[in-house]
Amino acid sequence: MQTVIHLLSGDGTEQETSLAIARNLLDDETGDIDDVAVVVQADGMKAIKTGQESEEQVRALMDDGVSFKACSNTLDMMDLDESDLVEGVETVPEGAVEVTRLETEGYAYMRP
């Protein structure tokens, strides 16, 4: 099974919940989760910026195989550069298109 988590919110609790869901999917021994992706857009970008409280958690999730994908349109709108993001975060042209693409590949969609 594959899951995509769509992180849009700048709310710290929602961001923490999204990262916790990713960790829970990895740690669950009752399912067959093969792949977890987190697609980040809008104010959710704060969770994957360097220097944030969540940076260590994002790095640990990436080390365990979770892919993080940042919307390039959002980066442009927020005047951010890839270097502002945690190292290893991939950029995609448009977050909503990436979520849709992943869903067509069989990923289950989650949004806290």
Protein backbone atom coordinates (compact mmCIF):
# COMPACT_ATOMS: atom_id res chain seq x y z
CA MET A 1 0.00 0.00 0.00
CA GLN A 2 1.03 3.56 -0.65
CA THR A 3 -0.11 6.76 1.05
CA VAL A 4 0.21 10.43 0.19
CA ILE A 5 -0.24 13.00 2.95
CA HIS A 6 -1.24 16.46 1.72
CA LEU A 7 0.18 19.13 4.02
CA LEU A 8 -1.32 22.56 3.37
CA SER A 9 -1.79 24.15 6.77
CA GLY A 10 0.46 26.53 8.63
CA ASP A 11 -1.15 25.42 11.88
CA GLY A 12 1.50 23.82 14.06
CA THR A 13 -0.86 21.16 15.39
CA GLU A 14 -1.90 20.10 11.89
CA GLN A 15 1.72 19.98 10.80
CA GLU A 16 2.65 17.84 13.81
CA THR A 17 -0.32 15.58 13.07
CA SER A 18 0.78 15.13 9.45
CA LEU A 19 4.30 14.15 10.50
CA ALA A 20 2.95 11.85 13.22
CA ILE A 21 0.70 10.12 10.68
CA ALA A 22 3.71 9.53 8.43
CA ARG A 23 5.60 8.01 11.37
CA ASN A 24 2.61 5.88 12.40
CA LEU A 25 2.27 4.52 8.87
CA LEU A 26 5.93 3.51 8.89
CA ASP A 27 5.76 1.96 12.35
CA ASP A 28 2.50 0.04 11.95
CA GLU A 29 3.18 -3.67 11.81
CA THR A 30 -0.37 -4.72 10.89
CA GLY A 31 -0.36 -3.17 7.41
CA ASP A 32 1.70 -3.41 4.31
CA ILE A 33 2.71 0.20 3.80
CA ASP A 34 5.32 0.26 1.06
CA ASP A 35 5.63 3.98 0.43
CA VAL A 36 4.72 7.24 2.17
CA ALA A 37 4.94 10.62 0.45
CA VAL A 38 4.22 14.04 1.94
CA VAL A 39 3.26 16.70 -0.60
CA VAL A 40 3.62 20.20 0.84
CA GLN A 41 1.91 23.35 -0.39
CA ALA A 42 0.88 26.77 0.86
CA ASP A 43 1.50 27.49 4.55
CA GLY A 44 2.45 23.85 5.14
CA MET A 45 5.86 24.85 3.75
CA LYS A 46 6.86 26.01 7.24
CA ALA A 47 7.10 22.37 8.37
CA ILE A 48 9.89 21.59 5.89
CA LYS A 49 11.93 24.77 6.16
CA THR A 50 15.36 24.63 7.74
CA GLY A 51 15.59 25.98 11.26
CA GLN A 52 12.07 24.94 12.25
CA GLU A 53 11.19 22.76 15.24
CA SER A 54 10.04 20.06 12.82
CA GLU A 55 13.36 19.86 10.94
CA GLU A 56 14.74 16.95 12.96
CA GLN A 57 11.48 15.01 12.60
CA VAL A 58 11.40 15.62 8.83
CA ARG A 59 15.00 14.42 8.52
CA ALA A 60 14.25 11.27 10.53
CA LEU A 61 11.22 10.49 8.36
CA MET A 62 13.28 10.97 5.19
CA ASP A 63 15.99 8.70 6.63
CA ASP A 64 13.28 6.06 7.06
CA GLY A 65 12.10 6.38 3.46
CA VAL A 66 9.35 9.03 3.50
CA SER A 67 9.59 11.33 0.49
CA PHE A 68 8.80 15.01 0.90
CA LYS A 69 7.72 16.97 -2.17
CA ALA A 70 7.47 20.76 -2.11
CA CYS A 71 5.33 22.72 -4.55
CA SER A 72 7.53 24.99 -6.70
CA ASN A 73 4.61 27.39 -7.24
CA THR A 74 4.36 27.87 -3.48
CA LEU A 75 8.11 28.42 -3.21
CA ASP A 76 7.83 31.16 -5.84
CA MET A 77 4.80 32.75 -4.16
CA MET A 78 6.54 32.76 -0.77
CA ASP A 79 9.84 33.95 -2.25
CA LEU A 80 11.61 30.83 -0.98
CA ASP A 81 14.42 28.87 -2.57
CA GLU A 82 15.14 25.14 -2.46
CA SER A 83 18.05 25.98 -0.16
CA ASP A 84 15.50 27.18 2.42
CA LEU A 85 14.15 23.64 2.70
CA VAL A 86 15.43 20.66 4.66
CA GLU A 87 18.06 18.95 2.53
CA GLY A 88 16.55 16.07 0.58
CA VAL A 89 13.13 17.63 0.01
CA GLU A 90 12.23 17.23 -3.65
CA THR A 91 10.50 20.02 -5.54
CA VAL A 92 7.63 19.38 -7.93
CA PRO A 93 6.12 21.90 -10.35
CA GLU A 94 2.66 21.92 -8.72
CA GLY A 95 1.61 20.22 -5.50
CA ALA A 96 -2.00 19.50 -6.45
CA VAL A 97 -0.89 17.91 -9.71
CA GLU A 98 1.61 15.74 -7.79
CA VAL A 99 -1.10 14.59 -5.37
CA THR A 100 -3.36 13.74 -8.31
CA ARG A 101 -0.55 11.89 -10.08
CA LEU A 102 0.20 9.85 -6.99
CA GLU A 103 -3.49 9.02 -6.53
CA THR A 104 -3.67 7.72 -10.09
CA GLU A 105 -0.70 5.49 -9.22
CA GLY A 106 -2.71 3.96 -6.38
CA TYR A 107 -1.69 6.09 -3.39
CA ALA A 108 -4.34 6.56 -0.71
CA TYR A 109 -4.95 10.24 0.07
CA MET A 110 -4.80 11.64 3.61
CA ARG A 111 -5.18 15.18 4.81
CA PRO A 112 -5.29 15.86 8.54
